Protein backbone atom coordinates (compact mmCIF):
# COMPACT_ATOMS: atom_id res chain seq x y z
CA UNK A 1 0.00 0.00 0.00
CA UNK A 2 1.38 3.40 -0.95
CA UNK A 3 0.75 6.82 0.53
CA UNK A 4 -0.96 7.75 -2.72
CA UNK A 5 -4.46 6.41 -3.43
CA UNK A 6 -5.40 6.93 -7.10
CA UNK A 7 -9.06 6.22 -6.31
CA UNK A 8 -9.40 8.94 -3.67
CA UNK A 9 -11.78 11.68 -4.89
CA UNK A 10 -9.49 14.49 -3.72
CA UNK A 11 -6.69 13.04 -5.83
CA UNK A 12 -8.34 13.68 -9.21
CA UNK A 13 -5.81 15.04 -11.74
CA UNK A 14 -5.73 18.83 -11.99
CA UNK A 15 -4.60 18.76 -15.60
CA UNK A 16 -7.95 18.63 -17.37
CA UNK A 17 -9.27 18.89 -20.90
CA UNK A 18 -11.01 22.14 -19.95
CA UNK A 19 -7.75 23.64 -18.70
CA UNK A 20 -6.06 22.79 -22.00
CA UNK A 21 -8.88 24.08 -24.19
CA UNK A 22 -8.88 27.35 -22.26
CA UNK A 23 -5.12 27.69 -22.75
CA UNK A 24 -4.73 27.53 -18.97
CA UNK A 25 -1.64 25.34 -19.01
CA UNK A 26 0.31 27.69 -21.27
CA UNK A 27 -0.76 30.68 -19.18
CA UNK A 28 0.32 28.95 -15.97
CA UNK A 29 3.74 28.04 -17.38
CA UNK A 30 4.25 31.57 -18.72
CA UNK A 31 3.34 33.03 -15.32
CA UNK A 32 5.47 30.65 -13.24
CA UNK A 33 8.51 30.58 -15.53
CA UNK A 34 8.72 33.87 -17.42
CA UNK A 35 12.32 33.03 -18.41
CA UNK A 36 11.07 30.13 -20.57
CA UNK A 37 9.51 30.98 -23.92
CA UNK A 38 6.07 29.53 -24.59
CA UNK A 39 5.44 28.46 -28.18
CA UNK A 40 3.04 30.61 -30.16
CA UNK A 41 -0.16 29.14 -31.60
CA UNK A 42 1.44 29.31 -35.05
CA UNK A 43 4.53 27.41 -33.89
CA UNK A 44 2.44 24.77 -32.18
CA UNK A 45 0.21 24.31 -35.24
CA UNK A 46 3.27 24.08 -37.50
CA UNK A 47 4.71 21.34 -35.28
CA UNK A 48 1.47 19.34 -35.45
CA UNK A 49 1.14 19.74 -39.21
CA UNK A 50 4.77 18.67 -39.72
CA UNK A 51 4.18 15.47 -37.76
CA UNK A 52 0.97 14.65 -39.62
CA UNK A 53 2.76 15.23 -42.93
CA UNK A 54 5.08 12.33 -41.99
CA UNK A 55 2.17 9.96 -41.35
CA UNK A 56 2.63 6.57 -43.04
CA UNK A 57 -0.60 4.69 -42.29
CA UNK A 58 -3.91 6.24 -43.33
CA UNK A 59 -7.62 5.61 -43.04
CA UNK A 60 -8.13 3.96 -39.66
CA UNK A 61 -7.08 6.54 -37.11
CA UNK A 62 -3.66 6.85 -35.52
CA UNK A 63 -1.84 5.48 -32.50
CA UNK A 64 -0.35 7.60 -29.73
CA UNK A 65 2.37 6.11 -27.54
CA UNK A 66 1.78 6.74 -23.83
CA UNK A 67 4.63 6.16 -21.39
CA UNK A 68 3.89 8.58 -18.52
CA UNK A 69 0.89 10.71 -17.64
CA UNK A 70 -0.90 9.94 -20.92
CA UNK A 71 -1.40 6.43 -19.52
CA UNK A 72 -3.52 7.60 -16.58
CA UNK A 73 -4.77 10.99 -17.72
CA UNK A 74 -4.92 11.23 -21.53
CA UNK A 75 -7.30 14.28 -21.53
CA UNK A 76 -8.23 13.46 -25.13
CA UNK A 77 -10.83 11.13 -26.64
CA UNK A 78 -9.35 7.74 -27.42
CA UNK A 79 -10.86 4.47 -28.54
CA UNK A 80 -8.77 1.31 -28.50
CA UNK A 81 -6.00 0.98 -25.95
CA UNK A 82 -3.41 -1.79 -25.65
CA UNK A 83 0.00 -2.58 -24.23
CA UNK A 84 2.80 -1.84 -26.68
CA UNK A 85 6.55 -1.33 -26.80
CA UNK A 86 8.36 1.50 -28.56
CA UNK A 87 11.59 0.32 -30.17
CA UNK A 88 14.76 2.36 -29.88
CA UNK A 89 13.67 4.50 -26.92
CA UNK A 90 13.62 4.24 -23.14
CA UNK A 91 11.78 6.01 -20.32
CA UNK A 92 13.78 8.49 -18.21
CA UNK A 93 13.17 11.27 -15.69
CA UNK A 94 15.01 13.80 -17.80
CA UNK A 95 12.69 16.82 -17.97
CA UNK A 96 13.00 19.36 -15.18
CA UNK A 97 9.82 21.32 -14.51
CA UNK A 98 9.62 24.64 -12.67
CA UNK A 99 5.86 24.89 -13.19
CA UNK A 100 3.03 22.41 -12.78
CA UNK A 101 4.81 19.90 -10.56
CA UNK A 102 7.64 22.06 -9.29
CA UNK A 103 8.78 25.63 -8.80
CA UNK A 104 11.88 27.57 -9.89
CA UNK A 105 13.26 27.14 -6.35
CA UNK A 106 12.46 23.41 -6.22
CA UNK A 107 11.99 22.01 -9.73
CA UNK A 108 10.27 18.70 -10.21
CA UNK A 109 10.88 15.95 -12.74
CA UNK A 110 8.83 14.54 -15.58
CA UNK A 111 9.41 11.62 -17.90
CA UNK A 112 10.70 11.76 -21.43
CA UNK A 113 11.79 9.24 -24.04
CA UNK A 114 15.51 9.04 -24.63
CA UNK A 115 17.39 7.26 -27.41
CA UNK A 116 18.26 3.60 -26.94
CA UNK A 117 16.65 0.44 -25.63
CA UNK A 118 12.92 -0.15 -25.48
CA UNK A 119 9.98 1.30 -23.57
CA UNK A 120 6.77 -0.55 -22.77
CA UNK A 121 3.64 1.52 -22.27
CA UNK A 122 0.27 1.88 -23.98
CA UNK A 123 -0.83 2.83 -27.45
CA UNK A 124 -4.02 4.87 -27.65
CA UNK A 125 -6.10 4.93 -30.83
CA UNK A 126 -7.51 8.27 -31.99
CA UNK A 127 -10.32 7.85 -34.52
CA UNK A 128 -9.79 9.27 -37.99
CA UNK A 129 -12.57 11.82 -37.62
CA UNK A 130 -11.14 13.04 -34.29
CA UNK A 131 -7.51 13.49 -35.34
CA UNK A 132 -7.52 17.22 -36.07
CA UNK A 133 -9.31 18.33 -32.90
CA UNK A 134 -7.89 15.80 -30.43
CA UNK A 135 -4.29 16.27 -31.53
CA UNK A 136 -4.72 20.01 -31.18
CA UNK A 137 -5.69 19.38 -27.54
CA UNK A 138 -2.72 17.05 -27.13
CA UNK A 139 -0.28 19.60 -28.60
CA UNK A 140 -1.63 22.23 -26.17
CA UNK A 141 -0.54 19.85 -23.43
CA UNK A 142 2.78 18.46 -24.62
CA UNK A 143 4.17 21.23 -26.82
CA UNK A 144 3.87 24.32 -24.64
CA UNK A 145 7.59 25.11 -24.46
CA UNK A 146 9.14 22.79 -27.00
CA UNK A 147 10.72 20.47 -24.44
CA UNK A 148 9.68 17.45 -26.50
CA UNK A 149 10.18 16.39 -30.09
CA UNK A 150 7.10 14.51 -31.39
CA UNK A 151 8.09 11.63 -33.67
CA UNK A 152 6.55 8.57 -35.29
CA UNK A 153 7.89 5.59 -33.35
CA UNK A 154 8.01 1.95 -34.37
CA UNK A 155 5.77 0.03 -31.96
CA UNK A 156 5.08 -3.67 -31.41
CA UNK A 157 2.40 -5.48 -29.42
CA UNK A 158 2.91 -7.74 -26.40
CA UNK A 159 3.84 -10.64 -28.66
CA UNK A 160 6.36 -8.60 -30.62
CA UNK A 161 4.17 -8.25 -33.71
CA UNK A 162 4.45 -4.87 -35.48
CA UNK A 163 1.63 -2.40 -34.80
CA UNK A 164 2.95 0.18 -37.23
CA UNK A 165 3.82 3.65 -36.02
CA UNK A 166 2.66 5.79 -33.12
CA UNK A 167 3.27 9.41 -32.22
CA UNK A 168 5.53 9.65 -29.18
CA UNK A 169 6.92 12.67 -27.39
CA UNK A 170 10.68 12.24 -27.19
CA UNK A 171 12.91 14.50 -25.14
CA UNK A 172 14.68 17.37 -26.87
CA UNK A 173 18.28 17.44 -25.53
CA UNK A 174 18.49 21.07 -26.64
CA UNK A 175 15.10 22.04 -25.22
CA UNK A 176 14.23 23.94 -22.05
CA UNK A 177 14.25 21.82 -18.96
CA UNK A 178 16.34 18.94 -20.28
CA UNK A 179 18.43 17.52 -17.47
CA UNK A 180 20.99 14.79 -17.80
CA UNK A 181 23.22 13.07 -15.32
CA UNK A 182 21.19 13.54 -12.14
CA UNK A 183 22.25 11.13 -9.42
CA UNK A 184 19.66 8.73 -8.08
CA UNK A 185 19.69 10.59 -4.76
CA UNK A 186 18.96 13.92 -6.51
CA UNK A 187 16.23 12.30 -8.59
CA UNK A 188 14.58 10.87 -5.47
CA UNK A 189 14.85 14.20 -3.64
CA UNK A 190 13.18 16.10 -6.48
CA UNK A 191 10.42 13.55 -6.88
CA UNK A 192 9.76 13.47 -3.14
CA UNK A 193 9.75 17.22 -2.48
CA UNK A 194 8.74 19.16 -5.61
CA UNK A 195 5.23 20.61 -5.76
CA UNK A 196 3.47 22.94 -8.18
CA UNK A 197 0.02 24.09 -9.25
CA UNK A 198 -0.80 20.74 -10.86
CA UNK A 199 0.32 18.68 -7.87
CA UNK A 200 3.49 16.97 -6.73
CA UNK A 201 6.18 15.16 -8.65
CA UNK A 202 5.62 12.23 -6.29
CA UNK A 203 1.98 12.03 -7.40
CA UNK A 204 3.12 11.98 -11.03
CA UNK A 205 5.51 9.12 -10.22
CA UNK A 206 2.95 7.14 -8.23
CA UNK A 207 0.18 7.55 -10.81
CA UNK A 208 2.53 6.32 -13.50
CA UNK A 209 3.57 3.40 -11.32
CA UNK A 210 -0.06 2.43 -10.67
CA UNK A 211 -0.93 2.87 -14.35
CA UNK A 212 1.87 0.60 -15.50
CA UNK A 213 1.11 -2.06 -12.88
CA UNK A 214 -2.58 -2.03 -13.84
CA UNK A 215 -1.53 -3.00 -17.37
CA UNK A 216 0.85 -5.68 -16.10
CA UNK A 217 3.94 -3.69 -17.09
CA UNK A 218 7.13 -3.90 -15.05
CA UNK A 219 9.44 -0.95 -15.67
CA UNK A 220 12.86 -1.10 -13.97
CA UNK A 221 13.15 2.66 -13.48
CA UNK A 222 9.68 3.37 -12.12
CA UNK A 223 9.57 0.15 -10.09
CA UNK A 224 12.80 1.13 -8.36
CA UNK A 225 12.09 4.82 -7.77
CA UNK A 226 8.51 4.58 -6.51
CA UNK A 227 9.27 2.59 -3.32
CA UNK A 228 12.33 4.75 -2.62
CA UNK A 229 10.34 7.98 -2.92
CA UNK A 230 7.56 6.48 -0.84
CA UNK A 231 10.07 5.59 1.87
CA UNK A 232 11.24 9.22 2.01
CA UNK A 233 7.66 10.46 2.30
CA UNK A 234 6.84 7.94 5.02
CA UNK A 235 9.94 8.95 6.96
CA UNK A 236 8.99 12.61 6.71
CA UNK A 237 5.42 11.82 7.80
CA UNK A 238 6.67 9.96 10.86
CA UNK A 239 9.05 12.80 11.78
CA UNK A 240 6.20 15.28 11.51
CA UNK A 241 4.00 13.38 13.99
């Protein structure tokens, strides 16, 4: 049993579809981190159109690859959902966030996809007729500052059979917030202590951990960090009593 209960009503995600459609996420990031440039609507739309121009499969919707918060809080309309593995990429806490789940004084950490290895998560099917609107919502969420590079990834199902290609948000090593080489102790400290307007970095970690376990996915990184962060929080709770 963890300190975090994903079924508790007060623990509903604060990142909502309504917030995205109202441009609230971009406004929050601009307010909290004025030193980081927020992409314009034109830049965001150009990014989306560039990705769709590289689409290889047509006519039956598209897959999105979910490896972090998209697993447990997609905020867009999706149909089919299944376990899948992205080839050539791995999950890493490599995006520092000074808004949302951290502050400039105590930045949190979010997941990104880095080159090499494999990453098992979920693919989410967006219907053909929903692509334009739902991907606009998704880009309002993932492409606020340009920290990610959206790419078509090769994905396979649980048996290793090809599923085609799915859009995945890979980390931009030259983007704002990219962090490399954090020690495990520093990673644990950030995840255990960082808090922002969307919640804590620990909640982000625990929700991802629960989401992966619910799909029967064992991830070495998340499976190791979650109990360690939980132990820190339990120790702090005991000290506070």
